[in-house]
Amino acid sequence: MITLNDFELVQFLELVKCIRQDSANTPKPARSYIPLVRGRVCAYLNQQVDVGNIRDIKVNRAQETDEYFHI
């Protein structure tokens, strides 16, 4: 399991908030929401989606860069 530091946790919460506020079913890379987002934050978000802790955000892994969207 990934553990985030305080800075990364703030980025994670901001990223989730931005994804939820965006139009539904519009996949975008995380850097379009937060330009300098850390890779650990994206990995933590992927982990939370995979485990089922976050159910309203999906990850499109078909591209070279993961794209996130809410449903």
PDB file of N, CA and C in Angstrom:
ATOM      1  N   MET A   1       0.826  -1.177   0.000  1.00  0.00           N
ATOM      2  CA  MET A   1       0.000   0.000   0.000  1.00  0.00           C
ATOM      3  C   MET A   1       0.874   1.246   0.000  1.00  0.00           C
ATOM      4  N   ILE A   2       0.463   2.225  -0.737  1.00  0.00           N
ATOM      5  CA  ILE A   2       1.171   3.491  -0.818  1.00  0.00           C
ATOM      6  C   ILE A   2       0.684   4.403   0.302  1.00  0.00           C
ATOM      7  N   THR A   3       1.619   5.073   0.950  1.00  0.00           N
ATOM      8  CA  THR A   3       1.295   6.057   1.967  1.00  0.00           C
ATOM      9  C   THR A   3       1.749   7.419   1.467  1.00  0.00           C
ATOM     10  N   LEU A   4       0.844   8.394   1.477  1.00  0.00           N
ATOM     11  CA  LEU A   4       1.165   9.725   0.991  1.00  0.00           C
ATOM     12  C   LEU A   4       1.597  10.634   2.129  1.00  0.00           C
ATOM     13  N   ASN A   5       2.547  11.547   1.825  1.00  0.00           N
ATOM     14  CA  ASN A   5       2.893  12.569   2.809  1.00  0.00           C
ATOM     15  C   ASN A   5       1.840  13.681   2.737  1.00  0.00           C
ATOM     16  N   ASP A   6       1.969  14.694   3.568  1.00  0.00           N
ATOM     17  CA  ASP A   6       0.949  15.748   3.659  1.00  0.00           C
ATOM     18  C   ASP A   6       0.766  16.479   2.329  1.00  0.00           C
ATOM     19  N   PHE A   7       1.859  16.825   1.659  1.00  0.00           N
ATOM     20  CA  PHE A   7       1.778  17.525   0.379  1.00  0.00           C
ATOM     21  C   PHE A   7       1.068  16.669  -0.666  1.00  0.00           C
ATOM     22  N   GLU A   8       1.436  15.398  -0.729  1.00  0.00           N
ATOM     23  CA  GLU A   8       0.822  14.487  -1.696  1.00  0.00           C
ATOM     24  C   GLU A   8      -0.655  14.260  -1.377  1.00  0.00           C
ATOM     25  N   LEU A   9      -1.008  14.212  -0.113  1.00  0.00           N
ATOM     26  CA  LEU A   9      -2.406  14.033   0.278  1.00  0.00           C
ATOM     27  C   LEU A   9      -3.260  15.220  -0.171  1.00  0.00           C
ATOM     28  N   VAL A  10      -2.722  16.422  -0.037  1.00  0.00           N
ATOM     29  CA  VAL A  10      -3.434  17.615  -0.505  1.00  0.00           C
ATOM     30  C   VAL A  10      -3.620  17.541  -2.023  1.00  0.00           C
ATOM     31  N   GLN A  11      -2.571  17.131  -2.749  1.00  0.00           N
ATOM     32  CA  GLN A  11      -2.676  16.983  -4.205  1.00  0.00           C
ATOM     33  C   GLN A  11      -3.711  15.923  -4.564  1.00  0.00           C
ATOM     34  N   PHE A  12      -3.723  14.815  -3.850  1.00  0.00           N
ATOM     35  CA  PHE A  12      -4.682  13.744  -4.108  1.00  0.00           C
ATOM     36  C   PHE A  12      -6.113  14.244  -3.934  1.00  0.00           C
ATOM     37  N   LEU A  13      -6.383  14.930  -2.845  1.00  0.00           N
ATOM     38  CA  LEU A  13      -7.734  15.425  -2.585  1.00  0.00           C
ATOM     39  C   LEU A  13      -8.145  16.456  -3.637  1.00  0.00           C
ATOM     40  N   GLU A  14      -7.220  17.318  -4.043  1.00  0.00           N
ATOM     41  CA  GLU A  14      -7.506  18.304  -5.080  1.00  0.00           C
ATOM     42  C   GLU A  14      -7.763  17.624  -6.422  1.00  0.00           C
ATOM     43  N   LEU A  15      -6.986  16.587  -6.743  1.00  0.00           N
ATOM     44  CA  LEU A  15      -7.173  15.853  -7.991  1.00  0.00           C
ATOM     45  C   LEU A  15      -8.533  15.179  -8.035  1.00  0.00           C
ATOM     46  N   VAL A  16      -8.919  14.533  -6.962  1.00  0.00           N
ATOM     47  CA  VAL A  16     -10.225  13.870  -6.910  1.00  0.00           C
ATOM     48  C   VAL A  16     -11.344  14.894  -7.056  1.00  0.00           C
ATOM     49  N   LYS A  17     -11.205  16.035  -6.386  1.00  0.00           N
ATOM     50  CA  LYS A  17     -12.210  17.091  -6.481  1.00  0.00           C
ATOM     51  C   LYS A  17     -12.320  17.614  -7.916  1.00  0.00           C
ATOM     52  N   CYS A  18     -11.197  17.838  -8.570  1.00  0.00           N
ATOM     53  CA  CYS A  18     -11.197  18.341  -9.948  1.00  0.00           C
ATOM     54  C   CYS A  18     -11.812  17.332 -10.913  1.00  0.00           C
ATOM     55  N   ILE A  19     -11.501  16.063 -10.745  1.00  0.00           N
ATOM     56  CA  ILE A  19     -12.063  15.018 -11.616  1.00  0.00           C
ATOM     57  C   ILE A  19     -13.571  14.959 -11.441  1.00  0.00           C
ATOM     58  N   ARG A  20     -14.045  15.043 -10.220  1.00  0.00           N
ATOM     59  CA  ARG A  20     -15.490  14.977  -9.959  1.00  0.00           C
ATOM     60  C   ARG A  20     -16.223  16.206 -10.490  1.00  0.00           C
ATOM     61  N   GLN A  21     -15.561  17.361 -10.558  1.00  0.00           N
ATOM     62  CA  GLN A  21     -16.189  18.575 -11.056  1.00  0.00           C
ATOM     63  C   GLN A  21     -16.194  18.652 -12.584  1.00  0.00           C
ATOM     64  N   ASP A  22     -15.364  17.862 -13.234  1.00  0.00           N
ATOM     65  CA  ASP A  22     -15.278  17.885 -14.693  1.00  0.00           C
ATOM     66  C   ASP A  22     -16.484  17.170 -15.299  1.00  0.00           C
ATOM     67  N   SER A  23     -16.696  17.360 -16.601  1.00  0.00           N
ATOM     68  CA  SER A  23     -17.819  16.672 -17.263  1.00  0.00           C
ATOM     69  C   SER A  23     -17.643  15.160 -17.188  1.00  0.00           C
ATOM     70  N   ALA A  24     -18.755  14.491 -17.068  1.00  0.00           N
ATOM     71  CA  ALA A  24     -18.742  13.029 -16.936  1.00  0.00           C
ATOM     72  C   ALA A  24     -18.263  12.367 -18.220  1.00  0.00           C
ATOM     73  N   ASN A  25     -17.610  11.227 -18.055  1.00  0.00           N
ATOM     74  CA  ASN A  25     -17.147  10.388 -19.162  1.00  0.00           C
ATOM     75  C   ASN A  25     -16.254  11.131 -20.151  1.00  0.00           C
ATOM     76  N   THR A  26     -15.406  12.020 -19.641  1.00  0.00           N
ATOM     77  CA  THR A  26     -14.429  12.726 -20.466  1.00  0.00           C
ATOM     78  C   THR A  26     -13.040  12.397 -19.931  1.00  0.00           C
ATOM     79  N   PRO A  27     -12.407  11.339 -20.433  1.00  0.00           N
ATOM     80  CA  PRO A  27     -11.096  10.950 -19.898  1.00  0.00           C
ATOM     81  C   PRO A  27     -10.021  11.997 -20.188  1.00  0.00           C
ATOM     82  N   LYS A  28      -9.266  12.346 -19.161  1.00  0.00           N
ATOM     83  CA  LYS A  28      -8.151  13.281 -19.279  1.00  0.00           C
ATOM     84  C   LYS A  28      -7.012  12.799 -18.399  1.00  0.00           C
ATOM     85  N   PRO A  29      -5.777  13.087 -18.792  1.00  0.00           N
ATOM     86  CA  PRO A  29      -4.651  12.748 -17.911  1.00  0.00           C
ATOM     87  C   PRO A  29      -4.668  13.628 -16.660  1.00  0.00           C
ATOM     88  N   ALA A  30      -4.068  13.141 -15.602  1.00  0.00           N
ATOM     89  CA  ALA A  30      -4.060  13.865 -14.329  1.00  0.00           C
ATOM     90  C   ALA A  30      -3.395  15.229 -14.457  1.00  0.00           C
ATOM     91  N   ARG A  31      -2.402  15.348 -15.325  1.00  0.00           N
ATOM     92  CA  ARG A  31      -1.700  16.625 -15.458  1.00  0.00           C
ATOM     93  C   ARG A  31      -2.573  17.714 -16.073  1.00  0.00           C
ATOM     94  N   SER A  32      -3.685  17.357 -16.692  1.00  0.00           N
ATOM     95  CA  SER A  32      -4.595  18.389 -17.201  1.00  0.00           C
ATOM     96  C   SER A  32      -5.394  19.011 -16.059  1.00  0.00           C
ATOM     97  N   TYR A  33      -5.516  18.309 -14.953  1.00  0.00           N
ATOM     98  CA  TYR A  33      -6.182  18.841 -13.768  1.00  0.00           C
ATOM     99  C   TYR A  33      -5.194  19.580 -12.870  1.00  0.00           C
ATOM    100  N   ILE A  34      -4.062  18.964 -12.613  1.00  0.00           N
ATOM    101  CA  ILE A  34      -2.998  19.553 -11.798  1.00  0.00           C
ATOM    102  C   ILE A  34      -1.697  19.371 -12.589  1.00  0.00           C
ATOM    103  N   PRO A  35      -1.162  20.455 -13.167  1.00  0.00           N
ATOM    104  CA  PRO A  35      -0.001  20.329 -14.068  1.00  0.00           C
ATOM    105  C   PRO A  35       1.221  19.637 -13.454  1.00  0.00           C
ATOM    106  N   LEU A  36       1.514  19.857 -12.191  1.00  0.00           N
ATOM    107  CA  LEU A  36       2.708  19.264 -11.576  1.00  0.00           C
ATOM    108  C   LEU A  36       2.359  18.167 -10.581  1.00  0.00           C
ATOM    109  N   VAL A  37       1.374  17.358 -10.931  1.00  0.00           N
ATOM    110  CA  VAL A  37       0.948  16.286 -10.030  1.00  0.00           C
ATOM    111  C   VAL A  37       2.057  15.230  -9.931  1.00  0.00           C
ATOM    112  N   ARG A  38       2.253  14.705  -8.747  1.00  0.00           N
ATOM    113  CA  ARG A  38       3.287  13.685  -8.528  1.00  0.00           C
ATOM    114  C   ARG A  38       2.788  12.317  -8.989  1.00  0.00           C
ATOM    115  N   GLY A  39       3.708  11.510  -9.460  1.00  0.00           N
ATOM    116  CA  GLY A  39       3.374  10.167  -9.908  1.00  0.00           C
ATOM    117  C   GLY A  39       2.816   9.299  -8.793  1.00  0.00           C
ATOM    118  N   ARG A  40       3.318   9.501  -7.562  1.00  0.00           N
ATOM    119  CA  ARG A  40       2.817   8.734  -6.421  1.00  0.00           C
ATOM    120  C   ARG A  40       1.345   9.018  -6.168  1.00  0.00           C
ATOM    121  N   VAL A  41       0.921  10.251  -6.441  1.00  0.00           N
ATOM    122  CA  VAL A  41      -0.479  10.620  -6.247  1.00  0.00           C
ATOM    123  C   VAL A  41      -1.344   9.855  -7.243  1.00  0.00           C
ATOM    124  N   CYS A  42      -0.902   9.771  -8.484  1.00  0.00           N
ATOM    125  CA  CYS A  42      -1.643   9.019  -9.507  1.00  0.00           C
ATOM    126  C   CYS A  42      -1.662   7.529  -9.169  1.00  0.00           C
ATOM    127  N   ALA A  43      -0.540   7.013  -8.706  1.00  0.00           N
ATOM    128  CA  ALA A  43      -0.479   5.599  -8.333  1.00  0.00           C
ATOM    129  C   ALA A  43      -1.423   5.319  -7.162  1.00  0.00           C
ATOM    130  N   TYR A  44      -1.501   6.241  -6.213  1.00  0.00           N
ATOM    131  CA  TYR A  44      -2.406   6.079  -5.072  1.00  0.00           C
ATOM    132  C   TYR A  44      -3.859   6.120  -5.537  1.00  0.00           C
ATOM    133  N   LEU A  45      -4.183   7.023  -6.462  1.00  0.00           N
ATOM    134  CA  LEU A  45      -5.539   7.094  -6.998  1.00  0.00           C
ATOM    135  C   LEU A  45      -5.881   5.797  -7.728  1.00  0.00           C
ATOM    136  N   ASN A  46      -4.966   5.288  -8.541  1.00  0.00           N
ATOM    137  CA  ASN A  46      -5.193   4.004  -9.219  1.00  0.00           C
ATOM    138  C   ASN A  46      -5.453   2.901  -8.204  1.00  0.00           C
ATOM    139  N   GLN A  47      -4.668   2.891  -7.137  1.00  0.00           N
ATOM    140  CA  GLN A  47      -4.813   1.873  -6.101  1.00  0.00           C
ATOM    141  C   GLN A  47      -6.187   1.978  -5.443  1.00  0.00           C
ATOM    142  N   GLN A  48      -6.620   3.181  -5.124  1.00  0.00           N
ATOM    143  CA  GLN A  48      -7.915   3.366  -4.470  1.00  0.00           C
ATOM    144  C   GLN A  48      -9.065   2.958  -5.389  1.00  0.00           C
ATOM    145  N   VAL A  49      -8.937   3.228  -6.681  1.00  0.00           N
ATOM    146  CA  VAL A  49      -9.964   2.815  -7.649  1.00  0.00           C
ATOM    147  C   VAL A  49      -9.984   1.289  -7.765  1.00  0.00           C
ATOM    148  N   ASP A  50      -8.798   0.664  -7.858  1.00  0.00           N
ATOM    149  CA  ASP A  50      -8.707  -0.794  -7.998  1.00  0.00           C
ATOM    150  C   ASP A  50      -9.265  -1.528  -6.787  1.00  0.00           C
ATOM    151  N   VAL A  51      -9.007  -0.998  -5.598  1.00  0.00           N
ATOM    152  CA  VAL A  51      -9.465  -1.637  -4.367  1.00  0.00           C
ATOM    153  C   VAL A  51     -10.972  -1.454  -4.187  1.00  0.00           C
ATOM    154  N   GLY A  52     -11.520  -0.401  -4.789  1.00  0.00           N
ATOM    155  CA  GLY A  52     -12.955  -0.154  -4.681  1.00  0.00           C
ATOM    156  C   GLY A  52     -13.318   0.918  -3.673  1.00  0.00           C
ATOM    157  N   ASN A  53     -12.326   1.620  -3.139  1.00  0.00           N
ATOM    158  CA  ASN A  53     -12.604   2.693  -2.189  1.00  0.00           C
ATOM    159  C   ASN A  53     -13.208   3.915  -2.871  1.00  0.00           C
ATOM    160  N   ILE A  54     -12.877   4.111  -4.137  1.00  0.00           N
ATOM    161  CA  ILE A  54     -13.453   5.202  -4.932  1.00  0.00           C
ATOM    162  C   ILE A  54     -14.176   4.547  -6.095  1.00  0.00           C
ATOM    163  N   ARG A  55     -15.483   4.706  -6.140  1.00  0.00           N
ATOM    164  CA  ARG A  55     -16.277   4.004  -7.156  1.00  0.00           C
ATOM    165  C   ARG A  55     -16.801   4.904  -8.259  1.00  0.00           C
ATOM    166  N   ASP A  56     -16.772   6.221  -8.053  1.00  0.00           N
ATOM    167  CA  ASP A  56     -17.318   7.111  -9.070  1.00  0.00           C
ATOM    168  C   ASP A  56     -16.266   7.646 -10.036  1.00  0.00           C
ATOM    169  N   ILE A  57     -15.004   7.248  -9.861  1.00  0.00           N
ATOM    170  CA  ILE A  57     -13.930   7.632 -10.769  1.00  0.00           C
ATOM    171  C   ILE A  57     -13.383   6.372 -11.416  1.00  0.00           C
ATOM    172  N   LYS A  58     -13.193   6.434 -12.721  1.00  0.00           N
ATOM    173  CA  LYS A  58     -12.652   5.300 -13.476  1.00  0.00           C
ATOM    174  C   LYS A  58     -11.322   5.699 -14.104  1.00  0.00           C
ATOM    175  N   VAL A  59     -10.518   4.688 -14.424  1.00  0.00           N
ATOM    176  CA  VAL A  59      -9.212   4.907 -15.036  1.00  0.00           C
ATOM    177  C   VAL A  59      -9.190   4.234 -16.397  1.00  0.00           C
ATOM    178  N   ASN A  60      -8.809   4.988 -17.415  1.00  0.00           N
ATOM    179  CA  ASN A  60      -8.622   4.449 -18.751  1.00  0.00           C
ATOM    180  C   ASN A  60      -7.130   4.189 -18.922  1.00  0.00           C
ATOM    181  N   ARG A  61      -6.749   2.939 -18.915  1.00  0.00           N
ATOM    182  CA  ARG A  61      -5.327   2.581 -19.014  1.00  0.00           C
ATOM    183  C   ARG A  61      -4.928   2.176 -20.429  1.00  0.00           C
ATOM    184  N   ALA A  62      -5.790   2.426 -21.412  1.00  0.00           N
ATOM    185  CA  ALA A  62      -5.507   2.049 -22.796  1.00  0.00           C
ATOM    186  C   ALA A  62      -4.457   2.956 -23.425  1.00  0.00           C
ATOM    187  N   GLN A  63      -4.308   4.158 -22.922  1.00  0.00           N
ATOM    188  CA  GLN A  63      -3.341   5.110 -23.460  1.00  0.00           C
ATOM    189  C   GLN A  63      -1.992   4.926 -22.772  1.00  0.00           C
ATOM    190  N   GLU A  64      -0.978   5.604 -23.287  1.00  0.00           N
ATOM    191  CA  GLU A  64       0.342   5.556 -22.671  1.00  0.00           C
ATOM    192  C   GLU A  64       0.312   6.183 -21.272  1.00  0.00           C
ATOM    193  N   THR A  65      -0.489   7.239 -21.120  1.00  0.00           N
ATOM    194  CA  THR A  65      -0.682   7.905 -19.833  1.00  0.00           C
ATOM    195  C   THR A  65      -2.089   7.586 -19.349  1.00  0.00           C
ATOM    196  N   ASP A  66      -2.220   7.195 -18.089  1.00  0.00           N
ATOM    197  CA  ASP A  66      -3.543   6.912 -17.527  1.00  0.00           C
ATOM    198  C   ASP A  66      -4.423   8.147 -17.612  1.00  0.00           C
ATOM    199  N   GLU A  67      -5.690   7.929 -17.962  1.00  0.00           N
ATOM    200  CA  GLU A  67      -6.655   9.019 -18.034  1.00  0.00           C
ATOM    201  C   GLU A  67      -7.773   8.732 -17.047  1.00  0.00           C
ATOM    202  N   TYR A  68      -8.225   9.772 -16.369  1.00  0.00           N
ATOM    203  CA  TYR A  68      -9.226   9.626 -15.316  1.00  0.00           C
ATOM    204  C   TYR A  68     -10.516  10.329 -15.703  1.00  0.00           C
ATOM    205  N   PHE A  69     -11.639   9.777 -15.271  1.00  0.00           N
ATOM    206  CA  PHE A  69     -12.929  10.405 -15.492  1.00  0.00           C
ATOM    207  C   PHE A  69     -13.913   9.896 -14.464  1.00  0.00           C
ATOM    208  N   HIS A  70     -14.965  10.665 -14.234  1.00  0.00           N
ATOM    209  CA  HIS A  70     -15.985  10.216 -13.295  1.00  0.00           C
ATOM    210  C   HIS A  70     -17.226   9.807 -14.065  1.00  0.00           C
ATOM    211  N   ILE A  71     -18.019   8.969 -13.427  1.00  0.00           N
ATOM    212  CA  ILE A  71     -19.233   8.472 -14.079  1.00  0.00           C
ATOM    213  C   ILE A  71     -20.455   8.953 -13.324  1.00  0.00           C
TER     214      ILE A  71
END
